[in-house]
Amino acid sequence: MLYKSIENNRMNTTNSIFNRVFKFNEDAGTPMLQNSLESAQAINEIAMLQEELNELVAAFKNDNNRTEIADALGDIIYVAMGTMGKLGIDYERVMDEICTSNETKYTNGVLVKNDAGKIQKGPDFKHPDLSFVSTPMEHPLKGLQKGVTIISSRSEGEAPRYSTKIIQGGSE
């Protein structure tokens, strides 16, 4: 099952991580694809991110517990992706722009670091072009309700796993 991003004509499966987060938030009744968040919504998003950041700090303090660190980092990404969906910001396109920008930090094929080890912006550095975020993205699942079944399955104790089937002409 696929959707098409308007700006860059990129194709993504509906089982992409972003689409799964988007669907979860929609199923929870969270308004998605908004131009902005009300103050209370914004405060809630910040509070959720802060809670997950606090869990990350605790994980590092707990003898660098890798399981807790992975859980906290995953939750931070999950909440951030949900916030982007609520704002109608195309997560994958933002990350692509940020990666492309970071790749311009090389100077003659080398990343230059300051004395503290922080990577510096080289002479060829270009900021990410995020101008596309001024307009909410198209709904990632738009137009796929007919002929599409989203199935949740799980073993006892596991989180649901989603798969999709596209049904055309009455057959699978």
C-alpha atoms as a PDB file:
ATOM      1  CA  MET A   1       0.000   0.000   0.000  1.00  0.00           C
ATOM      2  CA  LEU A   2       1.534   3.319  -1.029  1.00  0.00           C
ATOM      3  CA  TYR A   3       1.000   7.048  -0.680  1.00  0.00           C
ATOM      4  CA  LYS A   4       2.497   9.814  -2.729  1.00  0.00           C
ATOM      5  CA  SER A   5       4.151  12.882  -1.218  1.00  0.00           C
ATOM      6  CA  ILE A   6       3.080  15.922  -3.233  1.00  0.00           C
ATOM      7  CA  GLU A   7       6.285  17.951  -3.047  1.00  0.00           C
ATOM      8  CA  ASN A   8       8.856  15.396  -4.076  1.00  0.00           C
ATOM      9  CA  ASN A   9       6.799  12.598  -5.627  1.00  0.00           C
ATOM     10  CA  ARG A  10       8.398  10.111  -3.215  1.00  0.00           C
ATOM     11  CA  MET A  11       6.571   6.814  -2.621  1.00  0.00           C
ATOM     12  CA  ASN A  12       6.336   5.331   0.881  1.00  0.00           C
ATOM     13  CA  THR A  13       4.621   2.268   2.248  1.00  0.00           C
ATOM     14  CA  THR A  14       1.808   2.797   4.710  1.00  0.00           C
ATOM     15  CA  ASN A  15       3.726   0.519   7.033  1.00  0.00           C
ATOM     16  CA  SER A  16       6.482   3.126   7.307  1.00  0.00           C
ATOM     17  CA  ILE A  17       7.209   4.059  10.896  1.00  0.00           C
ATOM     18  CA  PHE A  18       5.823   7.578  10.356  1.00  0.00           C
ATOM     19  CA  ASN A  19       2.540   6.239   8.969  1.00  0.00           C
ATOM     20  CA  ARG A  20       2.179   3.822  11.879  1.00  0.00           C
ATOM     21  CA  VAL A  21       2.714   6.682  14.371  1.00  0.00           C
ATOM     22  CA  PHE A  22       0.302   8.865  12.374  1.00  0.00           C
ATOM     23  CA  LYS A  23      -2.376   6.148  12.401  1.00  0.00           C
ATOM     24  CA  PHE A  24      -1.911   5.523  16.142  1.00  0.00           C
ATOM     25  CA  ASN A  25      -2.451   9.210  16.882  1.00  0.00           C
ATOM     26  CA  GLU A  26      -5.488   9.339  14.602  1.00  0.00           C
ATOM     27  CA  ASP A  27      -6.945   6.233  16.263  1.00  0.00           C
ATOM     28  CA  ALA A  28      -6.432   7.946  19.640  1.00  0.00           C
ATOM     29  CA  GLY A  29      -8.613  10.818  18.404  1.00  0.00           C
ATOM     30  CA  THR A  30      -5.747  13.278  18.157  1.00  0.00           C
ATOM     31  CA  PRO A  31      -6.328  16.027  15.580  1.00  0.00           C
ATOM     32  CA  MET A  32      -3.756  15.614  12.827  1.00  0.00           C
ATOM     33  CA  LEU A  33      -2.509  17.857   9.982  1.00  0.00           C
ATOM     34  CA  GLN A  34      -3.085  21.125  11.864  1.00  0.00           C
ATOM     35  CA  ASN A  35      -1.438  24.411  10.897  1.00  0.00           C
ATOM     36  CA  SER A  36      -0.473  25.008  14.529  1.00  0.00           C
ATOM     37  CA  LEU A  37      -1.109  23.624  17.990  1.00  0.00           C
ATOM     38  CA  GLU A  38      -3.170  25.358  20.639  1.00  0.00           C
ATOM     39  CA  SER A  39      -1.145  26.409  23.675  1.00  0.00           C
ATOM     40  CA  ALA A  40      -2.395  23.474  25.789  1.00  0.00           C
ATOM     41  CA  GLN A  41      -1.553  21.016  22.996  1.00  0.00           C
ATOM     42  CA  ALA A  42       1.935  22.475  22.589  1.00  0.00           C
ATOM     43  CA  ILE A  43       2.541  22.293  26.340  1.00  0.00           C
ATOM     44  CA  ASN A  44       1.405  18.655  26.321  1.00  0.00           C
ATOM     45  CA  GLU A  45       3.789  17.781  23.457  1.00  0.00           C
ATOM     46  CA  ILE A  46       6.683  19.469  25.266  1.00  0.00           C
ATOM     47  CA  ALA A  47       5.786  17.683  28.511  1.00  0.00           C
ATOM     48  CA  MET A  48       5.761  14.302  26.752  1.00  0.00           C
ATOM     49  CA  LEU A  49       9.158  14.991  25.176  1.00  0.00           C
ATOM     50  CA  GLN A  50      10.531  16.182  28.541  1.00  0.00           C
ATOM     51  CA  GLU A  51       9.255  13.023  30.247  1.00  0.00           C
ATOM     52  CA  GLU A  52      11.029  10.857  27.686  1.00  0.00           C
ATOM     53  CA  LEU A  53      14.195  12.954  27.961  1.00  0.00           C
ATOM     54  CA  ASN A  54      14.100  12.472  31.744  1.00  0.00           C
ATOM     55  CA  GLU A  55      13.833   8.705  31.163  1.00  0.00           C
ATOM     56  CA  LEU A  56      16.907   8.912  28.917  1.00  0.00           C
ATOM     57  CA  VAL A  57      18.884  10.718  31.627  1.00  0.00           C
ATOM     58  CA  ALA A  58      17.808   8.080  34.161  1.00  0.00           C
ATOM     59  CA  ALA A  59      18.845   5.302  31.765  1.00  0.00           C
ATOM     60  CA  PHE A  60      22.337   6.755  31.409  1.00  0.00           C
ATOM     61  CA  LYS A  61      22.567   7.146  35.184  1.00  0.00           C
ATOM     62  CA  ASN A  62      21.496   3.499  35.569  1.00  0.00           C
ATOM     63  CA  ASP A  63      24.872   2.130  34.488  1.00  0.00           C
ATOM     64  CA  ASN A  64      24.212   3.063  30.853  1.00  0.00           C
ATOM     65  CA  ASN A  65      21.382   0.521  30.661  1.00  0.00           C
ATOM     66  CA  ARG A  66      21.214  -0.018  26.883  1.00  0.00           C
ATOM     67  CA  THR A  67      17.664  -1.386  26.963  1.00  0.00           C
ATOM     68  CA  GLU A  68      16.381   1.662  28.855  1.00  0.00           C
ATOM     69  CA  ILE A  69      18.429   3.986  26.634  1.00  0.00           C
ATOM     70  CA  ALA A  70      16.981   2.423  23.469  1.00  0.00           C
ATOM     71  CA  ASP A  71      13.458   2.627  24.905  1.00  0.00           C
ATOM     72  CA  ALA A  72      13.853   6.290  25.866  1.00  0.00           C
ATOM     73  CA  LEU A  73      15.401   7.280  22.526  1.00  0.00           C
ATOM     74  CA  GLY A  74      12.700   5.371  20.643  1.00  0.00           C
ATOM     75  CA  ASP A  75       9.995   7.095  22.682  1.00  0.00           C
ATOM     76  CA  ILE A  76      11.555  10.519  22.020  1.00  0.00           C
ATOM     77  CA  ILE A  77      11.522   9.822  18.280  1.00  0.00           C
ATOM     78  CA  TYR A  78       7.956   8.431  18.471  1.00  0.00           C
ATOM     79  CA  VAL A  79       6.631  11.505  20.304  1.00  0.00           C
ATOM     80  CA  ALA A  80       8.500  13.853  17.947  1.00  0.00           C
ATOM     81  CA  MET A  81       7.081  12.038  14.914  1.00  0.00           C
ATOM     82  CA  GLY A  82       3.578  12.257  16.401  1.00  0.00           C
ATOM     83  CA  THR A  83       4.023  15.986  16.970  1.00  0.00           C
ATOM     84  CA  MET A  84       5.154  16.399  13.368  1.00  0.00           C
ATOM     85  CA  GLY A  85       2.067  14.506  12.169  1.00  0.00           C
ATOM     86  CA  LYS A  86      -0.177  16.695  14.296  1.00  0.00           C
ATOM     87  CA  LEU A  87       1.387  19.711  12.602  1.00  0.00           C
ATOM     88  CA  GLY A  88       1.224  18.137   9.153  1.00  0.00           C
ATOM     89  CA  ILE A  89       5.008  18.127   8.820  1.00  0.00           C
ATOM     90  CA  ASP A  90       6.460  15.410   6.583  1.00  0.00           C
ATOM     91  CA  TYR A  91       8.879  13.654   8.962  1.00  0.00           C
ATOM     92  CA  GLU A  92      10.781  11.763   6.275  1.00  0.00           C
ATOM     93  CA  ARG A  93      11.304  14.861   4.158  1.00  0.00           C
ATOM     94  CA  VAL A  94      12.494  16.884   7.174  1.00  0.00           C
ATOM     95  CA  MET A  95      14.978  14.171   8.091  1.00  0.00           C
ATOM     96  CA  ASP A  96      16.182  13.955   4.489  1.00  0.00           C
ATOM     97  CA  GLU A  97      16.811  17.725   4.455  1.00  0.00           C
ATOM     98  CA  ILE A  98      18.639  17.586   7.804  1.00  0.00           C
ATOM     99  CA  CYS A  99      20.817  14.680   6.633  1.00  0.00           C
ATOM    100  CA  THR A 100      21.601  16.495   3.392  1.00  0.00           C
ATOM    101  CA  SER A 101      22.507  19.633   5.354  1.00  0.00           C
ATOM    102  CA  ASN A 102      24.751  17.698   7.748  1.00  0.00           C
ATOM    103  CA  GLU A 103      26.548  16.158   4.788  1.00  0.00           C
ATOM    104  CA  THR A 104      27.623  19.679   3.751  1.00  0.00           C
ATOM    105  CA  LYS A 105      29.651  20.012   6.984  1.00  0.00           C
ATOM    106  CA  TYR A 106      32.564  18.140   5.412  1.00  0.00           C
ATOM    107  CA  THR A 107      35.613  20.183   4.443  1.00  0.00           C
ATOM    108  CA  ASN A 108      37.710  18.429   1.798  1.00  0.00           C
ATOM    109  CA  GLY A 109      36.092  15.143   2.792  1.00  0.00           C
ATOM    110  CA  VAL A 110      36.825  15.587   6.507  1.00  0.00           C
ATOM    111  CA  LEU A 111      34.585  16.537   9.406  1.00  0.00           C
ATOM    112  CA  VAL A 112      36.257  19.326  11.381  1.00  0.00           C
ATOM    113  CA  LYS A 113      35.729  19.294  15.158  1.00  0.00           C
ATOM    114  CA  ASN A 114      36.387  21.925  17.792  1.00  0.00           C
ATOM    115  CA  ASP A 115      38.375  21.212  20.983  1.00  0.00           C
ATOM    116  CA  ALA A 116      35.249  19.827  22.681  1.00  0.00           C
ATOM    117  CA  GLY A 117      34.705  17.367  19.796  1.00  0.00           C
ATOM    118  CA  LYS A 118      31.686  19.188  18.337  1.00  0.00           C
ATOM    119  CA  ILE A 119      31.510  18.987  14.547  1.00  0.00           C
ATOM    120  CA  GLN A 120      31.848  22.424  12.983  1.00  0.00           C
ATOM    121  CA  LYS A 121      30.084  23.815   9.936  1.00  0.00           C
ATOM    122  CA  GLY A 122      32.533  23.994   7.064  1.00  0.00           C
ATOM    123  CA  PRO A 123      32.697  26.614   4.298  1.00  0.00           C
ATOM    124  CA  ASP A 124      30.310  24.570   2.116  1.00  0.00           C
ATOM    125  CA  PHE A 125      27.659  24.218   4.830  1.00  0.00           C
ATOM    126  CA  LYS A 126      24.067  24.712   3.709  1.00  0.00           C
ATOM    127  CA  HIS A 127      21.144  24.981   6.099  1.00  0.00           C
ATOM    128  CA  PRO A 128      18.306  22.517   5.497  1.00  0.00           C
ATOM    129  CA  ASP A 129      15.606  23.870   3.196  1.00  0.00           C
ATOM    130  CA  LEU A 130      12.507  23.403   5.334  1.00  0.00           C
ATOM    131  CA  SER A 131      10.368  25.954   3.501  1.00  0.00           C
ATOM    132  CA  PHE A 132       7.920  23.177   2.582  1.00  0.00           C
ATOM    133  CA  VAL A 133       6.745  22.880   6.218  1.00  0.00           C
ATOM    134  CA  SER A 134       4.717  26.105   5.886  1.00  0.00           C
ATOM    135  CA  THR A 135       1.964  24.032   4.238  1.00  0.00           C
ATOM    136  CA  PRO A 136       0.625  20.869   5.923  1.00  0.00           C
ATOM    137  CA  MET A 137       1.387  17.695   4.008  1.00  0.00           C
ATOM    138  CA  GLU A 138      -1.300  15.636   2.320  1.00  0.00           C
ATOM    139  CA  HIS A 139      -2.877  12.995   4.562  1.00  0.00           C
ATOM    140  CA  PRO A 140      -0.542   9.981   4.218  1.00  0.00           C
ATOM    141  CA  LEU A 141      -3.414   7.501   4.050  1.00  0.00           C
ATOM    142  CA  LYS A 142      -5.690   9.661   1.868  1.00  0.00           C
ATOM    143  CA  GLY A 143      -7.640   7.777  -0.762  1.00  0.00           C
ATOM    144  CA  LEU A 144      -6.657   4.354   0.493  1.00  0.00           C
ATOM    145  CA  GLN A 145      -9.765   3.505   2.538  1.00  0.00           C
ATOM    146  CA  LYS A 146     -11.447   1.591  -0.323  1.00  0.00           C
ATOM    147  CA  GLY A 147      -9.993  -1.805  -0.952  1.00  0.00           C
ATOM    148  CA  VAL A 148      -7.446  -1.587   1.821  1.00  0.00           C
ATOM    149  CA  THR A 149      -7.484  -3.613   4.995  1.00  0.00           C
ATOM    150  CA  ILE A 150      -5.172  -2.829   7.885  1.00  0.00           C
ATOM    151  CA  ILE A 151      -4.705  -5.882  10.070  1.00  0.00           C
ATOM    152  CA  SER A 152      -3.337  -5.885  13.602  1.00  0.00           C
ATOM    153  CA  SER A 153      -1.867  -9.116  14.899  1.00  0.00           C
ATOM    154  CA  ARG A 154       0.221  -9.958  17.909  1.00  0.00           C
ATOM    155  CA  SER A 155       1.372 -12.732  20.131  1.00  0.00           C
ATOM    156  CA  GLU A 156       0.617 -12.543  23.825  1.00  0.00           C
ATOM    157  CA  GLY A 157       2.713  -9.810  25.437  1.00  0.00           C
ATOM    158  CA  GLU A 158       3.742  -8.262  22.091  1.00  0.00           C
ATOM    159  CA  ALA A 159       2.794  -4.886  20.723  1.00  0.00           C
ATOM    160  CA  PRO A 160       0.407  -5.007  17.751  1.00  0.00           C
ATOM    161  CA  ARG A 161       2.027  -5.459  14.346  1.00  0.00           C
ATOM    162  CA  TYR A 162       0.244  -3.971  11.385  1.00  0.00           C
ATOM    163  CA  SER A 163       0.187  -5.318   7.884  1.00  0.00           C
ATOM    164  CA  THR A 164      -1.876  -4.320   4.921  1.00  0.00           C
ATOM    165  CA  LYS A 165      -3.627  -5.945   2.013  1.00  0.00           C
ATOM    166  CA  ILE A 166      -4.712  -4.187  -1.130  1.00  0.00           C
ATOM    167  CA  ILE A 167      -7.824  -5.739  -2.584  1.00  0.00           C
ATOM    168  CA  GLN A 168      -8.519  -5.014  -6.235  1.00  0.00           C
ATOM    169  CA  GLY A 169     -11.411  -6.400  -8.202  1.00  0.00           C
ATOM    170  CA  GLY A 170     -12.593  -8.553  -5.343  1.00  0.00           C
ATOM    171  CA  SER A 171      -9.416 -10.635  -5.019  1.00  0.00           C
ATOM    172  CA  GLU A 172      -6.346 -10.442  -2.829  1.00  0.00           C
END
